[in-house]
């Protein structure tokens, strides 16, 4: 099972809100996931990000691969 840390889109049309989730790479973007580890709201000024750093580090240690966008968010938050 290839596990990825990625964004799951929520919110209304033209008003995106994302949850940072750990999911099997074969599932669709907004489909089933293993665990929710945070959220990201780009509509606020400045952008609001809240990520459970311990869970993120634990999943990365287990072999989960963050997507490019999530990797940038984790670096900005100081998790990576």
PDB file of N, CA and C in Angstrom:
ATOM      1  N   UNK A   1       0.854  -1.185   0.000  1.00  0.00           N
ATOM      2  CA  UNK A   1       0.000   0.000   0.000  1.00  0.00           C
ATOM      3  C   UNK A   1       0.893   1.240   0.000  1.00  0.00           C
ATOM      4  N   UNK A   2       0.834   2.012  -1.076  1.00  0.00           N
ATOM      5  CA  UNK A   2       1.598   3.253  -1.186  1.00  0.00           C
ATOM      6  C   UNK A   2       0.785   4.364  -0.528  1.00  0.00           C
ATOM      7  N   UNK A   3       1.312   4.899   0.561  1.00  0.00           N
ATOM      8  CA  UNK A   3       0.587   5.906   1.333  1.00  0.00           C
ATOM      9  C   UNK A   3       1.141   7.287   1.017  1.00  0.00           C
ATOM     10  N   UNK A   4       0.228   8.245   0.832  1.00  0.00           N
ATOM     11  CA  UNK A   4       0.605   9.619   0.540  1.00  0.00           C
ATOM     12  C   UNK A   4      -0.039  10.553   1.551  1.00  0.00           C
ATOM     13  N   UNK A   5       0.659  11.648   1.825  1.00  0.00           N
ATOM     14  CA  UNK A   5       0.081  12.738   2.618  1.00  0.00           C
ATOM     15  C   UNK A   5      -0.313  13.792   1.598  1.00  0.00           C
ATOM     16  N   UNK A   6      -1.609  14.091   1.513  1.00  0.00           N
ATOM     17  CA  UNK A   6      -2.078  15.003   0.469  1.00  0.00           C
ATOM     18  C   UNK A   6      -3.254  15.838   0.938  1.00  0.00           C
ATOM     19  N   UNK A   7      -3.662  16.758   0.069  1.00  0.00           N
ATOM     20  CA  UNK A   7      -4.770  17.652   0.389  1.00  0.00           C
ATOM     21  C   UNK A   7      -6.080  17.049  -0.091  1.00  0.00           C
ATOM     22  N   UNK A   8      -7.122  17.209   0.726  1.00  0.00           N
ATOM     23  CA  UNK A   8      -8.472  16.775   0.373  1.00  0.00           C
ATOM     24  C   UNK A   8      -9.325  18.025   0.298  1.00  0.00           C
ATOM     25  N   UNK A   9      -9.886  18.315  -0.879  1.00  0.00           N
ATOM     26  CA  UNK A   9     -10.609  19.572  -1.075  1.00  0.00           C
ATOM     27  C   UNK A   9     -11.989  19.522  -0.440  1.00  0.00           C
ATOM     28  N   UNK A  10     -12.288  20.568   0.303  1.00  0.00           N
ATOM     29  CA  UNK A  10     -13.589  20.724   0.938  1.00  0.00           C
ATOM     30  C   UNK A  10     -14.074  22.134   0.584  1.00  0.00           C
ATOM     31  N   UNK A  11     -15.186  22.536   1.148  1.00  0.00           N
ATOM     32  CA  UNK A  11     -15.669  23.900   0.939  1.00  0.00           C
ATOM     33  C   UNK A  11     -16.539  24.032  -0.296  1.00  0.00           C
ATOM     34  N   UNK A  12     -17.031  25.228  -0.495  1.00  0.00           N
ATOM     35  CA  UNK A  12     -17.943  25.510  -1.602  1.00  0.00           C
ATOM     36  C   UNK A  12     -17.189  25.813  -2.892  1.00  0.00           C
ATOM     37  N   UNK A  13     -17.954  25.947  -3.954  1.00  0.00           N
ATOM     38  CA  UNK A  13     -17.369  26.319  -5.235  1.00  0.00           C
ATOM     39  C   UNK A  13     -16.732  27.702  -5.118  1.00  0.00           C
ATOM     40  N   UNK A  14     -15.522  27.845  -5.617  1.00  0.00           N
ATOM     41  CA  UNK A  14     -14.748  29.091  -5.591  1.00  0.00           C
ATOM     42  C   UNK A  14     -14.319  29.496  -4.170  1.00  0.00           C
ATOM     43  N   UNK A  15     -14.513  28.630  -3.193  1.00  0.00           N
ATOM     44  CA  UNK A  15     -14.093  28.905  -1.813  1.00  0.00           C
ATOM     45  C   UNK A  15     -13.456  27.640  -1.236  1.00  0.00           C
ATOM     46  N   UNK A  16     -12.263  27.283  -1.725  1.00  0.00           N
ATOM     47  CA  UNK A  16     -11.664  26.023  -1.303  1.00  0.00           C
ATOM     48  C   UNK A  16     -11.163  26.048   0.142  1.00  0.00           C
ATOM     49  N   UNK A  17     -11.232  24.893   0.742  1.00  0.00           N
ATOM     50  CA  UNK A  17     -10.717  24.648   2.082  1.00  0.00           C
ATOM     51  C   UNK A  17     -10.158  23.233   2.016  1.00  0.00           C
ATOM     52  N   UNK A  18      -8.964  23.017   2.513  1.00  0.00           N
ATOM     53  CA  UNK A  18      -8.326  21.715   2.361  1.00  0.00           C
ATOM     54  C   UNK A  18      -8.044  21.074   3.701  1.00  0.00           C
ATOM     55  N   UNK A  19      -8.219  19.763   3.761  1.00  0.00           N
ATOM     56  CA  UNK A  19      -7.792  18.986   4.911  1.00  0.00           C
ATOM     57  C   UNK A  19      -6.563  18.205   4.487  1.00  0.00           C
ATOM     58  N   UNK A  20      -5.573  18.152   5.352  1.00  0.00           N
ATOM     59  CA  UNK A  20      -4.358  17.394   5.080  1.00  0.00           C
ATOM     60  C   UNK A  20      -4.608  15.990   5.611  1.00  0.00           C
ATOM     61  N   UNK A  21      -4.600  15.009   4.705  1.00  0.00           N
ATOM     62  CA  UNK A  21      -4.928  13.642   5.087  1.00  0.00           C
ATOM     63  C   UNK A  21      -3.844  12.670   4.635  1.00  0.00           C
ATOM     64  N   UNK A  22      -3.830  11.517   5.284  1.00  0.00           N
ATOM     65  CA  UNK A  22      -2.978  10.407   4.893  1.00  0.00           C
ATOM     66  C   UNK A  22      -3.894   9.424   4.192  1.00  0.00           C
ATOM     67  N   UNK A  23      -3.586   9.094   2.928  1.00  0.00           N
ATOM     68  CA  UNK A  23      -4.465   8.227   2.143  1.00  0.00           C
ATOM     69  C   UNK A  23      -3.656   7.300   1.257  1.00  0.00           C
ATOM     70  N   UNK A  24      -4.264   6.188   0.903  1.00  0.00           N
ATOM     71  CA  UNK A  24      -3.677   5.280  -0.070  1.00  0.00           C
ATOM     72  C   UNK A  24      -3.656   6.014  -1.411  1.00  0.00           C
ATOM     73  N   UNK A  25      -2.565   5.907  -2.135  1.00  0.00           N
ATOM     74  CA  UNK A  25      -2.416   6.664  -3.385  1.00  0.00           C
ATOM     75  C   UNK A  25      -3.407   6.229  -4.470  1.00  0.00           C
ATOM     76  N   UNK A  26      -4.001   5.056  -4.326  1.00  0.00           N
ATOM     77  CA  UNK A  26      -4.934   4.565  -5.344  1.00  0.00           C
ATOM     78  C   UNK A  26      -6.325   5.148  -5.198  1.00  0.00           C
ATOM     79  N   UNK A  27      -6.645   5.752  -4.049  1.00  0.00           N
ATOM     80  CA  UNK A  27      -7.967   6.318  -3.833  1.00  0.00           C
ATOM     81  C   UNK A  27      -8.075   7.699  -4.458  1.00  0.00           C
ATOM     82  N   UNK A  28      -9.295   8.132  -4.827  1.00  0.00           N
ATOM     83  CA  UNK A  28      -9.452   9.463  -5.421  1.00  0.00           C
ATOM     84  C   UNK A  28      -9.137  10.579  -4.430  1.00  0.00           C
ATOM     85  N   UNK A  29      -8.952  11.780  -4.960  1.00  0.00           N
ATOM     86  CA  UNK A  29      -8.536  12.937  -4.154  1.00  0.00           C
ATOM     87  C   UNK A  29      -9.433  13.163  -2.939  1.00  0.00           C
ATOM     88  N   UNK A  30     -10.738  13.097  -3.138  1.00  0.00           N
ATOM     89  CA  UNK A  30     -11.675  13.360  -2.045  1.00  0.00           C
ATOM     90  C   UNK A  30     -12.296  12.078  -1.502  1.00  0.00           C
ATOM     91  N   UNK A  31     -11.661  10.942  -1.788  1.00  0.00           N
ATOM     92  CA  UNK A  31     -12.205   9.661  -1.364  1.00  0.00           C
ATOM     93  C   UNK A  31     -11.762   9.260   0.030  1.00  0.00           C
ATOM     94  N   UNK A  32     -11.706   7.953   0.215  1.00  0.00           N
ATOM     95  CA  UNK A  32     -11.358   7.388   1.515  1.00  0.00           C
ATOM     96  C   UNK A  32      -9.960   7.795   1.945  1.00  0.00           C
ATOM     97  N   UNK A  33      -9.768   7.944   3.250  1.00  0.00           N
ATOM     98  CA  UNK A  33      -8.447   8.276   3.766  1.00  0.00           C
ATOM     99  C   UNK A  33      -8.212   7.523   5.064  1.00  0.00           C
ATOM    100  N   UNK A  34      -6.959   7.448   5.492  1.00  0.00           N
ATOM    101  CA  UNK A  34      -6.592   6.710   6.689  1.00  0.00           C
ATOM    102  C   UNK A  34      -6.721   7.594   7.924  1.00  0.00           C
ATOM    103  N   UNK A  35      -6.156   8.811   7.844  1.00  0.00           N
ATOM    104  CA  UNK A  35      -6.173   9.707   9.001  1.00  0.00           C
ATOM    105  C   UNK A  35      -6.079  11.164   8.551  1.00  0.00           C
ATOM    106  N   UNK A  36      -6.761  12.028   9.279  1.00  0.00           N
ATOM    107  CA  UNK A  36      -6.683  13.475   9.023  1.00  0.00           C
ATOM    108  C   UNK A  36      -5.651  14.053   9.991  1.00  0.00           C
ATOM    109  N   UNK A  37      -4.670  14.798   9.458  1.00  0.00           N
ATOM    110  CA  UNK A  37      -3.615  15.318  10.330  1.00  0.00           C
ATOM    111  C   UNK A  37      -3.577  16.843  10.399  1.00  0.00           C
ATOM    112  N   UNK A  38      -4.486  17.518   9.699  1.00  0.00           N
ATOM    113  CA  UNK A  38      -4.505  18.977   9.775  1.00  0.00           C
ATOM    114  C   UNK A  38      -5.398  19.592   8.725  1.00  0.00           C
ATOM    115  N   UNK A  39      -5.289  20.922   8.595  1.00  0.00           N
ATOM    116  CA  UNK A  39      -6.057  21.619   7.567  1.00  0.00           C
ATOM    117  C   UNK A  39      -5.277  22.821   7.038  1.00  0.00           C
ATOM    118  N   UNK A  40      -5.746  23.322   5.879  1.00  0.00           N
ATOM    119  CA  UNK A  40      -5.112  24.445   5.186  1.00  0.00           C
ATOM    120  C   UNK A  40      -6.216  25.278   4.555  1.00  0.00           C
ATOM    121  N   UNK A  41      -6.260  26.570   4.894  1.00  0.00           N
ATOM    122  CA  UNK A  41      -7.282  27.464   4.347  1.00  0.00           C
ATOM    123  C   UNK A  41      -6.601  28.612   3.609  1.00  0.00           C
ATOM    124  N   UNK A  42      -6.510  28.523   2.273  1.00  0.00           N
ATOM    125  CA  UNK A  42      -5.841  29.567   1.499  1.00  0.00           C
ATOM    126  C   UNK A  42      -6.690  30.819   1.273  1.00  0.00           C
ATOM    127  N   UNK A  43      -7.972  30.789   1.627  1.00  0.00           N
ATOM    128  CA  UNK A  43      -8.840  31.938   1.372  1.00  0.00           C
ATOM    129  C   UNK A  43      -8.645  33.055   2.390  1.00  0.00           C
ATOM    130  N   UNK A  44      -8.123  32.732   3.561  1.00  0.00           N
ATOM    131  CA  UNK A  44      -7.875  33.752   4.585  1.00  0.00           C
ATOM    132  C   UNK A  44      -6.595  34.509   4.240  1.00  0.00           C
ATOM    133  N   UNK A  45      -6.444  35.684   4.839  1.00  0.00           N
ATOM    134  CA  UNK A  45      -5.235  36.473   4.611  1.00  0.00           C
ATOM    135  C   UNK A  45      -4.582  36.784   5.945  1.00  0.00           C
ATOM    136  N   UNK A  46      -3.455  36.258   6.327  1.00  0.00           N
ATOM    137  CA  UNK A  46      -2.651  35.259   5.610  1.00  0.00           C
ATOM    138  C   UNK A  46      -3.275  33.862   5.701  1.00  0.00           C
ATOM    139  N   UNK A  47      -2.775  32.952   4.880  1.00  0.00           N
ATOM    140  CA  UNK A  47      -3.299  31.585   4.843  1.00  0.00           C
ATOM    141  C   UNK A  47      -3.206  30.929   6.217  1.00  0.00           C
ATOM    142  N   UNK A  48      -4.241  30.174   6.574  1.00  0.00           N
ATOM    143  CA  UNK A  48      -4.289  29.493   7.863  1.00  0.00           C
ATOM    144  C   UNK A  48      -3.876  28.036   7.670  1.00  0.00           C
ATOM    145  N   UNK A  49      -2.877  27.600   8.448  1.00  0.00           N
ATOM    146  CA  UNK A  49      -2.411  26.211   8.371  1.00  0.00           C
ATOM    147  C   UNK A  49      -2.305  25.682   9.785  1.00  0.00           C
ATOM    148  N   UNK A  50      -2.889  24.520  10.014  1.00  0.00           N
ATOM    149  CA  UNK A  50      -2.745  23.849  11.307  1.00  0.00           C
ATOM    150  C   UNK A  50      -2.492  22.377  11.029  1.00  0.00           C
ATOM    151  N   UNK A  51      -1.314  21.906  11.417  1.00  0.00           N
ATOM    152  CA  UNK A  51      -0.934  20.517  11.171  1.00  0.00           C
ATOM    153  C   UNK A  51      -0.393  19.924  12.466  1.00  0.00           C
ATOM    154  N   UNK A  52      -0.820  18.709  12.773  1.00  0.00           N
ATOM    155  CA  UNK A  52      -0.289  17.987  13.932  1.00  0.00           C
ATOM    156  C   UNK A  52       1.092  17.463  13.539  1.00  0.00           C
ATOM    157  N   UNK A  53       2.135  18.140  13.998  1.00  0.00           N
ATOM    158  CA  UNK A  53       3.504  17.822  13.591  1.00  0.00           C
ATOM    159  C   UNK A  53       3.917  16.421  14.001  1.00  0.00           C
ATOM    160  N   UNK A  54       3.472  15.971  15.177  1.00  0.00           N
ATOM    161  CA  UNK A  54       3.847  14.636  15.635  1.00  0.00           C
ATOM    162  C   UNK A  54       3.285  13.552  14.714  1.00  0.00           C
ATOM    163  N   UNK A  55       2.011  13.700  14.327  1.00  0.00           N
ATOM    164  CA  UNK A  55       1.400  12.720  13.429  1.00  0.00           C
ATOM    165  C   UNK A  55       2.069  12.751  12.061  1.00  0.00           C
ATOM    166  N   UNK A  56       2.384  13.949  11.562  1.00  0.00           N
ATOM    167  CA  UNK A  56       3.029  14.072  10.255  1.00  0.00           C
ATOM    168  C   UNK A  56       4.402  13.405  10.266  1.00  0.00           C
ATOM    169  N   UNK A  57       5.197  13.672  11.287  1.00  0.00           N
ATOM    170  CA  UNK A  57       6.520  13.055  11.387  1.00  0.00           C
ATOM    171  C   UNK A  57       6.415  11.542  11.521  1.00  0.00           C
ATOM    172  N   UNK A  58       5.426  11.079  12.281  1.00  0.00           N
ATOM    173  CA  UNK A  58       5.219   9.646  12.467  1.00  0.00           C
ATOM    174  C   UNK A  58       4.887   8.962  11.147  1.00  0.00           C
ATOM    175  N   UNK A  59       3.991   9.561  10.349  1.00  0.00           N
ATOM    176  CA  UNK A  59       3.623   8.977   9.065  1.00  0.00           C
ATOM    177  C   UNK A  59       4.788   8.999   8.080  1.00  0.00           C
ATOM    178  N   UNK A  60       5.566  10.073   8.086  1.00  0.00           N
ATOM    179  CA  UNK A  60       6.727  10.148   7.194  1.00  0.00           C
ATOM    180  C   UNK A  60       7.749   9.089   7.585  1.00  0.00           C
ATOM    181  N   UNK A  61       7.911   8.858   8.892  1.00  0.00           N
ATOM    182  CA  UNK A  61       8.826   7.819   9.366  1.00  0.00           C
ATOM    183  C   UNK A  61       8.354   6.431   8.942  1.00  0.00           C
ATOM    184  N   UNK A  62       7.033   6.252   8.832  1.00  0.00           N
ATOM    185  CA  UNK A  62       6.470   4.969   8.403  1.00  0.00           C
ATOM    186  C   UNK A  62       6.560   4.781   6.891  1.00  0.00           C
ATOM    187  N   UNK A  63       6.945   5.841   6.161  1.00  0.00           N
ATOM    188  CA  UNK A  63       7.122   5.719   4.720  1.00  0.00           C
ATOM    189  C   UNK A  63       6.124   6.469   3.865  1.00  0.00           C
ATOM    190  N   UNK A  64       5.254   7.269   4.463  1.00  0.00           N
ATOM    191  CA  UNK A  64       4.287   8.049   3.689  1.00  0.00           C
ATOM    192  C   UNK A  64       5.011   9.149   2.929  1.00  0.00           C
ATOM    193  N   UNK A  65       4.635   9.343   1.672  1.00  0.00           N
ATOM    194  CA  UNK A  65       5.259  10.344   0.821  1.00  0.00           C
ATOM    195  C   UNK A  65       4.345  11.565   0.700  1.00  0.00           C
ATOM    196  N   UNK A  66       4.789  12.753   1.139  1.00  0.00           N
ATOM    197  CA  UNK A  66       3.960  13.949   0.946  1.00  0.00           C
ATOM    198  C   UNK A  66       3.983  14.397  -0.517  1.00  0.00           C
ATOM    199  N   UNK A  67       2.863  14.947  -0.979  1.00  0.00           N
ATOM    200  CA  UNK A  67       2.825  15.503  -2.329  1.00  0.00           C
ATOM    201  C   UNK A  67       3.649  16.789  -2.325  1.00  0.00           C
ATOM    202  N   UNK A  68       3.907  17.347  -3.495  1.00  0.00           N
ATOM    203  CA  UNK A  68       4.727  18.557  -3.598  1.00  0.00           C
ATOM    204  C   UNK A  68       4.131  19.717  -2.800  1.00  0.00           C
ATOM    205  N   UNK A  69       2.820  19.907  -2.899  1.00  0.00           N
ATOM    206  CA  UNK A  69       2.164  21.000  -2.193  1.00  0.00           C
ATOM    207  C   UNK A  69       2.241  20.802  -0.683  1.00  0.00           C
ATOM    208  N   UNK A  70       1.976  19.587  -0.237  1.00  0.00           N
ATOM    209  CA  UNK A  70       2.021  19.305   1.196  1.00  0.00           C
ATOM    210  C   UNK A  70       3.450  19.415   1.710  1.00  0.00           C
ATOM    211  N   UNK A  71       4.419  19.009   0.902  1.00  0.00           N
ATOM    212  CA  UNK A  71       5.827  19.117   1.303  1.00  0.00           C
ATOM    213  C   UNK A  71       6.191  20.583   1.536  1.00  0.00           C
ATOM    214  N   UNK A  72       5.723  21.477   0.651  1.00  0.00           N
ATOM    215  CA  UNK A  72       5.990  22.913   0.806  1.00  0.00           C
ATOM    216  C   UNK A  72       5.322  23.451   2.073  1.00  0.00           C
ATOM    217  N   UNK A  73       4.101  23.011   2.351  1.00  0.00           N
ATOM    218  CA  UNK A  73       3.388  23.459   3.549  1.00  0.00           C
ATOM    219  C   UNK A  73       4.125  22.959   4.803  1.00  0.00           C
ATOM    220  N   UNK A  74       4.570  21.705   4.792  1.00  0.00           N
ATOM    221  CA  UNK A  74       5.274  21.147   5.948  1.00  0.00           C
ATOM    222  C   UNK A  74       6.589  21.861   6.196  1.00  0.00           C
ATOM    223  N   UNK A  75       7.300  22.215   5.120  1.00  0.00           N
ATOM    224  CA  UNK A  75       8.561  22.966   5.270  1.00  0.00           C
ATOM    225  C   UNK A  75       8.281  24.340   5.866  1.00  0.00           C
ATOM    226  N   UNK A  76       7.231  24.994   5.392  1.00  0.00           N
ATOM    227  CA  UNK A  76       6.872  26.330   5.876  1.00  0.00           C
ATOM    228  C   UNK A  76       6.497  26.285   7.364  1.00  0.00           C
ATOM    229  N   UNK A  77       5.870  25.201   7.796  1.00  0.00           N
ATOM    230  CA  UNK A  77       5.463  25.046   9.193  1.00  0.00           C
ATOM    231  C   UNK A  77       6.593  24.532  10.078  1.00  0.00           C
ATOM    232  N   UNK A  78       7.710  24.122   9.465  1.00  0.00           N
ATOM    233  CA  UNK A  78       8.856  23.662  10.236  1.00  0.00           C
ATOM    234  C   UNK A  78       8.788  22.202  10.640  1.00  0.00           C
ATOM    235  N   UNK A  79       7.926  21.417   9.986  1.00  0.00           N
ATOM    236  CA  UNK A  79       7.810  19.998  10.291  1.00  0.00           C
ATOM    237  C   UNK A  79       8.924  19.216   9.611  1.00  0.00           C
ATOM    238  N   UNK A  80       9.269  19.590   8.388  1.00  0.00           N
ATOM    239  CA  UNK A  80      10.348  18.918   7.645  1.00  0.00           C
ATOM    240  C   UNK A  80      11.656  19.687   7.807  1.00  0.00           C
TER     241      UNK A  80
END
